[in-house]
Amino acid sequence: QIQLVESGGGLVQPGGSLRLSCAASRILVGIPAVGWYRQTPGKERELVASIPSRGIITYADAVKGRFTISRDNAKNRMYLQMTGLKPEDTAVYYCNWSWGALTYWGQGTQVTVSS
């Protein structure tokens, strides 16, 4: 079993920044696809940003130019640098690691953007 633990969420004013981290307890063989998702009450979980095992990093249109996803394979970690935060970015953020059909989720970290 692989455990993913997110950290870095919190309350921030509009225009502020936060950096989310996701640490994996261990990894499987091969390069995983990783991603950040977010969810608000009553809505489906949506993709924020992803790094495939091979290919191009993608971002949701709503966060392009403001958020940056990255990974550190040596440390089994991934990050989401969020800048220019807006109230509509308020959500629970989840990290996801996938090796083919095997997919793992973190427990989520709350991000609240409010003055």
N, C-alpha and C. Protein backbone atom coordinates (compact mmCIF):
# COMPACT_ATOMS: atom_id res chain seq x y z
N GLN A 1 0.83 -1.19 0.00
CA GLN A 1 0.00 0.00 0.00
C GLN A 1 0.87 1.25 0.00
N ILE A 2 0.49 2.22 -0.77
CA ILE A 2 1.21 3.48 -0.85
C ILE A 2 0.37 4.55 -0.19
N GLN A 3 0.97 5.31 0.69
CA GLN A 3 0.28 6.43 1.32
C GLN A 3 0.81 7.74 0.76
N LEU A 4 -0.11 8.63 0.47
CA LEU A 4 0.23 9.97 0.00
C LEU A 4 -0.23 10.97 1.05
N VAL A 5 0.65 11.86 1.43
CA VAL A 5 0.33 12.84 2.46
C VAL A 5 0.55 14.24 1.91
N GLU A 6 -0.54 15.01 1.86
CA GLU A 6 -0.44 16.39 1.40
C GLU A 6 -0.19 17.32 2.58
N SER A 7 0.43 18.44 2.28
CA SER A 7 0.62 19.49 3.28
C SER A 7 0.73 20.83 2.56
N GLY A 8 0.61 21.90 3.34
CA GLY A 8 0.80 23.23 2.78
C GLY A 8 -0.46 24.03 2.57
N GLY A 9 -1.61 23.43 2.82
CA GLY A 9 -2.86 24.18 2.66
C GLY A 9 -3.04 25.19 3.78
N GLY A 10 -4.07 26.00 3.64
CA GLY A 10 -4.34 26.99 4.68
C GLY A 10 -5.20 28.12 4.17
N LEU A 11 -5.25 29.17 4.96
CA LEU A 11 -6.02 30.37 4.63
C LEU A 11 -5.08 31.44 4.09
N VAL A 12 -5.44 32.02 2.96
CA VAL A 12 -4.61 33.04 2.34
C VAL A 12 -5.52 34.11 1.74
N GLN A 13 -5.02 35.33 1.70
CA GLN A 13 -5.79 36.42 1.13
C GLN A 13 -5.73 36.37 -0.40
N PRO A 14 -6.73 36.92 -1.05
CA PRO A 14 -6.68 36.99 -2.52
C PRO A 14 -5.39 37.65 -2.99
N GLY A 15 -4.81 37.05 -4.02
CA GLY A 15 -3.53 37.53 -4.54
C GLY A 15 -2.33 36.87 -3.89
N GLY A 16 -2.57 36.12 -2.85
CA GLY A 16 -1.47 35.48 -2.13
C GLY A 16 -1.00 34.19 -2.79
N SER A 17 -0.05 33.54 -2.11
CA SER A 17 0.56 32.33 -2.65
C SER A 17 0.57 31.23 -1.59
N LEU A 18 0.54 30.00 -2.08
CA LEU A 18 0.72 28.82 -1.24
C LEU A 18 1.48 27.78 -2.04
N ARG A 19 2.19 26.92 -1.32
CA ARG A 19 2.87 25.80 -1.97
C ARG A 19 2.40 24.51 -1.32
N LEU A 20 1.75 23.67 -2.09
CA LEU A 20 1.31 22.38 -1.62
C LEU A 20 2.39 21.34 -1.89
N SER A 21 2.53 20.40 -0.97
CA SER A 21 3.46 19.29 -1.14
C SER A 21 2.70 17.97 -0.98
N CYS A 22 3.20 16.96 -1.65
CA CYS A 22 2.63 15.63 -1.54
C CYS A 22 3.79 14.64 -1.46
N ALA A 23 3.84 13.89 -0.37
CA ALA A 23 4.91 12.93 -0.16
C ALA A 23 4.35 11.51 -0.26
N ALA A 24 5.05 10.68 -1.02
CA ALA A 24 4.66 9.28 -1.17
C ALA A 24 5.49 8.41 -0.24
N SER A 25 4.83 7.48 0.46
CA SER A 25 5.54 6.63 1.42
C SER A 25 6.50 5.70 0.73
N ARG A 26 6.19 5.32 -0.48
CA ARG A 26 7.08 4.50 -1.30
C ARG A 26 6.59 4.61 -2.72
N ILE A 27 7.37 4.09 -3.64
CA ILE A 27 6.96 4.14 -5.04
C ILE A 27 7.06 2.75 -5.63
N LEU A 28 6.39 2.60 -6.76
CA LEU A 28 6.47 1.35 -7.51
C LEU A 28 7.49 1.51 -8.63
N VAL A 29 7.76 0.43 -9.31
CA VAL A 29 8.71 0.48 -10.42
C VAL A 29 8.10 1.30 -11.55
N GLY A 30 8.94 2.14 -12.14
CA GLY A 30 8.47 2.95 -13.26
C GLY A 30 8.16 4.36 -12.83
N ILE A 31 7.94 5.19 -13.82
CA ILE A 31 7.65 6.61 -13.56
C ILE A 31 6.15 6.80 -13.51
N PRO A 32 5.65 7.30 -12.39
CA PRO A 32 4.20 7.47 -12.29
C PRO A 32 3.73 8.74 -12.98
N ALA A 33 2.49 8.73 -13.33
CA ALA A 33 1.82 9.98 -13.68
C ALA A 33 1.35 10.60 -12.37
N VAL A 34 1.51 11.89 -12.22
CA VAL A 34 1.11 12.56 -10.98
C VAL A 34 0.22 13.74 -11.32
N GLY A 35 -0.62 14.07 -10.39
CA GLY A 35 -1.52 15.19 -10.64
C GLY A 35 -2.09 15.77 -9.37
N TRP A 36 -2.55 17.00 -9.47
CA TRP A 36 -3.29 17.68 -8.40
C TRP A 36 -4.73 17.88 -8.87
N TYR A 37 -5.64 17.58 -8.00
CA TYR A 37 -7.07 17.77 -8.25
C TYR A 37 -7.65 18.61 -7.12
N ARG A 38 -8.84 19.16 -7.37
CA ARG A 38 -9.50 19.90 -6.30
C ARG A 38 -10.99 19.65 -6.36
N GLN A 39 -11.62 19.84 -5.22
CA GLN A 39 -13.06 19.57 -5.12
C GLN A 39 -13.69 20.54 -4.14
N THR A 40 -14.85 21.04 -4.52
CA THR A 40 -15.67 21.88 -3.65
C THR A 40 -16.99 21.16 -3.38
N PRO A 41 -17.67 21.49 -2.28
CA PRO A 41 -18.92 20.80 -1.93
C PRO A 41 -19.94 20.83 -3.07
N GLY A 42 -20.49 19.67 -3.37
CA GLY A 42 -21.52 19.57 -4.39
C GLY A 42 -21.01 19.49 -5.81
N LYS A 43 -19.69 19.53 -5.96
CA LYS A 43 -19.11 19.47 -7.30
C LYS A 43 -18.19 18.27 -7.43
N GLU A 44 -17.97 17.84 -8.67
CA GLU A 44 -17.06 16.74 -8.92
C GLU A 44 -15.62 17.20 -8.77
N ARG A 45 -14.77 16.24 -8.44
CA ARG A 45 -13.34 16.52 -8.36
C ARG A 45 -12.84 16.88 -9.76
N GLU A 46 -12.03 17.94 -9.84
CA GLU A 46 -11.54 18.37 -11.15
C GLU A 46 -10.02 18.41 -11.17
N LEU A 47 -9.49 18.18 -12.35
CA LEU A 47 -8.04 18.22 -12.53
C LEU A 47 -7.55 19.65 -12.50
N VAL A 48 -6.48 19.87 -11.74
CA VAL A 48 -5.84 21.18 -11.69
C VAL A 48 -4.59 21.19 -12.57
N ALA A 49 -3.75 20.18 -12.40
CA ALA A 49 -2.51 20.10 -13.16
C ALA A 49 -2.01 18.66 -13.10
N SER A 50 -1.28 18.26 -14.13
CA SER A 50 -0.77 16.90 -14.14
C SER A 50 0.54 16.81 -14.89
N ILE A 51 1.35 15.85 -14.47
CA ILE A 51 2.58 15.50 -15.16
C ILE A 51 2.47 14.03 -15.53
N PRO A 52 2.36 13.70 -16.80
CA PRO A 52 2.26 12.30 -17.19
C PRO A 52 3.60 11.60 -17.01
N SER A 53 3.59 10.27 -17.07
CA SER A 53 4.85 9.55 -16.99
C SER A 53 5.75 9.93 -18.16
N ARG A 54 5.13 10.16 -19.30
CA ARG A 54 5.83 10.70 -20.46
C ARG A 54 4.89 11.68 -21.13
N GLY A 55 5.40 12.83 -21.48
CA GLY A 55 4.54 13.77 -22.18
C GLY A 55 4.58 15.16 -21.60
N ILE A 56 3.54 15.89 -21.89
CA ILE A 56 3.53 17.32 -21.60
C ILE A 56 2.73 17.61 -20.35
N ILE A 57 3.22 18.50 -19.52
CA ILE A 57 2.49 18.96 -18.35
C ILE A 57 1.24 19.71 -18.82
N THR A 58 0.15 19.46 -18.16
CA THR A 58 -1.09 20.14 -18.51
C THR A 58 -1.68 20.86 -17.30
N TYR A 59 -2.37 21.93 -17.57
CA TYR A 59 -3.03 22.73 -16.54
C TYR A 59 -4.47 23.00 -16.95
N ALA A 60 -5.33 23.07 -15.95
CA ALA A 60 -6.69 23.54 -16.21
C ALA A 60 -6.62 25.00 -16.65
N ASP A 61 -7.52 25.38 -17.53
CA ASP A 61 -7.52 26.76 -18.03
C ASP A 61 -7.60 27.77 -16.90
N ALA A 62 -8.33 27.41 -15.84
CA ALA A 62 -8.56 28.36 -14.75
C ALA A 62 -7.29 28.70 -13.96
N VAL A 63 -6.25 27.86 -14.09
CA VAL A 63 -5.05 28.08 -13.27
C VAL A 63 -3.81 28.35 -14.12
N LYS A 64 -3.93 28.30 -15.43
CA LYS A 64 -2.78 28.54 -16.30
C LYS A 64 -2.15 29.90 -16.01
N GLY A 65 -0.84 29.89 -15.91
CA GLY A 65 -0.13 31.13 -15.66
C GLY A 65 -0.04 31.49 -14.19
N ARG A 66 -0.77 30.78 -13.33
CA ARG A 66 -0.75 31.09 -11.90
C ARG A 66 -0.20 29.92 -11.07
N PHE A 67 -0.45 28.71 -11.50
CA PHE A 67 -0.03 27.52 -10.76
C PHE A 67 1.09 26.81 -11.52
N THR A 68 1.99 26.18 -10.76
CA THR A 68 3.07 25.40 -11.35
C THR A 68 3.18 24.07 -10.63
N ILE A 69 3.09 22.99 -11.38
CA ILE A 69 3.26 21.65 -10.82
C ILE A 69 4.70 21.20 -11.04
N SER A 70 5.24 20.47 -10.09
CA SER A 70 6.60 19.94 -10.24
C SER A 70 6.72 18.67 -9.43
N ARG A 71 7.80 17.95 -9.68
CA ARG A 71 8.02 16.69 -8.97
C ARG A 71 9.49 16.55 -8.67
N ASP A 72 9.80 15.83 -7.61
CA ASP A 72 11.18 15.50 -7.24
C ASP A 72 11.21 13.99 -7.07
N ASN A 73 11.65 13.30 -8.12
CA ASN A 73 11.61 11.83 -8.08
C ASN A 73 12.53 11.27 -7.00
N ALA A 74 13.63 11.94 -6.73
CA ALA A 74 14.58 11.45 -5.73
C ALA A 74 13.98 11.46 -4.33
N LYS A 75 13.05 12.39 -4.10
CA LYS A 75 12.44 12.53 -2.78
C LYS A 75 11.02 11.97 -2.71
N ASN A 76 10.56 11.38 -3.80
CA ASN A 76 9.18 10.87 -3.86
C ASN A 76 8.18 11.96 -3.49
N ARG A 77 8.37 13.13 -4.03
CA ARG A 77 7.49 14.25 -3.70
C ARG A 77 7.03 14.96 -4.96
N MET A 78 5.90 15.61 -4.84
CA MET A 78 5.41 16.49 -5.88
C MET A 78 4.90 17.76 -5.23
N TYR A 79 4.80 18.81 -6.02
CA TYR A 79 4.45 20.11 -5.47
C TYR A 79 3.46 20.83 -6.38
N LEU A 80 2.77 21.78 -5.78
CA LEU A 80 1.93 22.69 -6.56
C LEU A 80 2.16 24.09 -6.01
N GLN A 81 2.86 24.90 -6.77
CA GLN A 81 3.07 26.29 -6.39
C GLN A 81 1.91 27.10 -6.93
N MET A 82 1.20 27.75 -6.03
CA MET A 82 0.02 28.53 -6.41
C MET A 82 0.26 29.99 -6.11
N THR A 83 0.12 30.82 -7.12
CA THR A 83 0.27 32.27 -6.96
C THR A 83 -0.98 32.96 -7.49
N GLY A 84 -1.11 34.23 -7.17
CA GLY A 84 -2.28 34.97 -7.64
C GLY A 84 -3.59 34.30 -7.27
N LEU A 85 -3.66 33.78 -6.04
CA LEU A 85 -4.84 33.00 -5.65
C LEU A 85 -6.10 33.85 -5.64
N LYS A 86 -7.18 33.20 -6.03
CA LYS A 86 -8.49 33.85 -6.12
C LYS A 86 -9.49 33.12 -5.22
N PRO A 87 -10.55 33.79 -4.79
CA PRO A 87 -11.54 33.09 -3.96
C PRO A 87 -12.08 31.83 -4.62
N GLU A 88 -12.17 31.82 -5.92
CA GLU A 88 -12.69 30.62 -6.60
C GLU A 88 -11.71 29.46 -6.60
N ASP A 89 -10.50 29.68 -6.11
CA ASP A 89 -9.54 28.58 -5.94
C ASP A 89 -9.78 27.82 -4.64
N THR A 90 -10.67 28.33 -3.81
CA THR A 90 -10.97 27.67 -2.54
C THR A 90 -11.53 26.28 -2.80
N ALA A 91 -10.90 25.27 -2.19
CA ALA A 91 -11.28 23.88 -2.41
C ALA A 91 -10.42 22.99 -1.53
N VAL A 92 -10.76 21.71 -1.51
CA VAL A 92 -9.86 20.70 -0.96
C VAL A 92 -9.02 20.18 -2.13
N TYR A 93 -7.72 20.21 -1.94
CA TYR A 93 -6.79 19.80 -2.99
C TYR A 93 -6.26 18.41 -2.68
N TYR A 94 -6.27 17.55 -3.70
CA TYR A 94 -5.83 16.18 -3.56
C TYR A 94 -4.69 15.89 -4.54
N CYS A 95 -3.71 15.12 -4.08
CA CYS A 95 -2.68 14.67 -5.01
C CYS A 95 -3.00 13.24 -5.43
N ASN A 96 -2.52 12.91 -6.59
CA ASN A 96 -2.76 11.59 -7.18
C ASN A 96 -1.50 11.09 -7.85
N TRP A 97 -1.17 9.83 -7.56
CA TRP A 97 -0.06 9.15 -8.23
C TRP A 97 -0.62 7.91 -8.90
N SER A 98 -0.26 7.65 -10.12
CA SER A 98 -0.78 6.51 -10.84
C SER A 98 0.32 5.78 -11.60
N TRP A 99 0.28 4.46 -11.46
CA TRP A 99 1.10 3.58 -12.28
C TRP A 99 0.13 2.71 -13.07
N GLY A 100 -0.14 3.08 -14.27
CA GLY A 100 -1.11 2.37 -15.06
C GLY A 100 -2.47 2.38 -14.38
N ALA A 101 -3.00 1.18 -14.13
CA ALA A 101 -4.32 1.08 -13.51
C ALA A 101 -4.28 1.27 -12.00
N LEU A 102 -3.12 1.28 -11.41
CA LEU A 102 -2.97 1.49 -9.97
C LEU A 102 -2.92 2.98 -9.68
N THR A 103 -3.88 3.46 -8.90
CA THR A 103 -3.95 4.89 -8.62
C THR A 103 -4.13 5.11 -7.13
N TYR A 104 -3.48 6.13 -6.62
CA TYR A 104 -3.50 6.40 -5.19
C TYR A 104 -3.82 7.89 -4.98
N TRP A 105 -4.58 8.14 -3.89
CA TRP A 105 -4.99 9.50 -3.56
C TRP A 105 -4.51 9.89 -2.17
N GLY A 106 -4.19 11.14 -2.00
CA GLY A 106 -3.94 11.67 -0.68
C GLY A 106 -5.25 11.96 0.02
N GLN A 107 -5.14 12.40 1.28
CA GLN A 107 -6.33 12.64 2.09
C GLN A 107 -6.93 14.02 1.84
N GLY A 108 -6.21 14.87 1.15
CA GLY A 108 -6.70 16.20 0.84
C GLY A 108 -6.21 17.25 1.80
N THR A 109 -6.02 18.45 1.30
CA THR A 109 -5.65 19.58 2.14
C THR A 109 -6.49 20.78 1.73
N GLN A 110 -7.03 21.47 2.72
CA GLN A 110 -7.95 22.58 2.46
C GLN A 110 -7.18 23.84 2.10
N VAL A 111 -7.60 24.48 1.03
CA VAL A 111 -7.09 25.79 0.65
C VAL A 111 -8.28 26.75 0.65
N THR A 112 -8.15 27.81 1.43
CA THR A 112 -9.21 28.81 1.51
C THR A 112 -8.63 30.17 1.15
N VAL A 113 -9.22 30.80 0.15
CA VAL A 113 -8.78 32.11 -0.29
C VAL A 113 -9.87 33.12 0.07
N SER A 114 -9.57 33.96 1.04
CA SER A 114 -10.58 34.88 1.54
C SER A 114 -9.91 36.06 2.22
N SER A 115 -10.56 37.21 2.13
CA SER A 115 -10.06 38.39 2.84
C SER A 115 -10.75 38.53 4.19
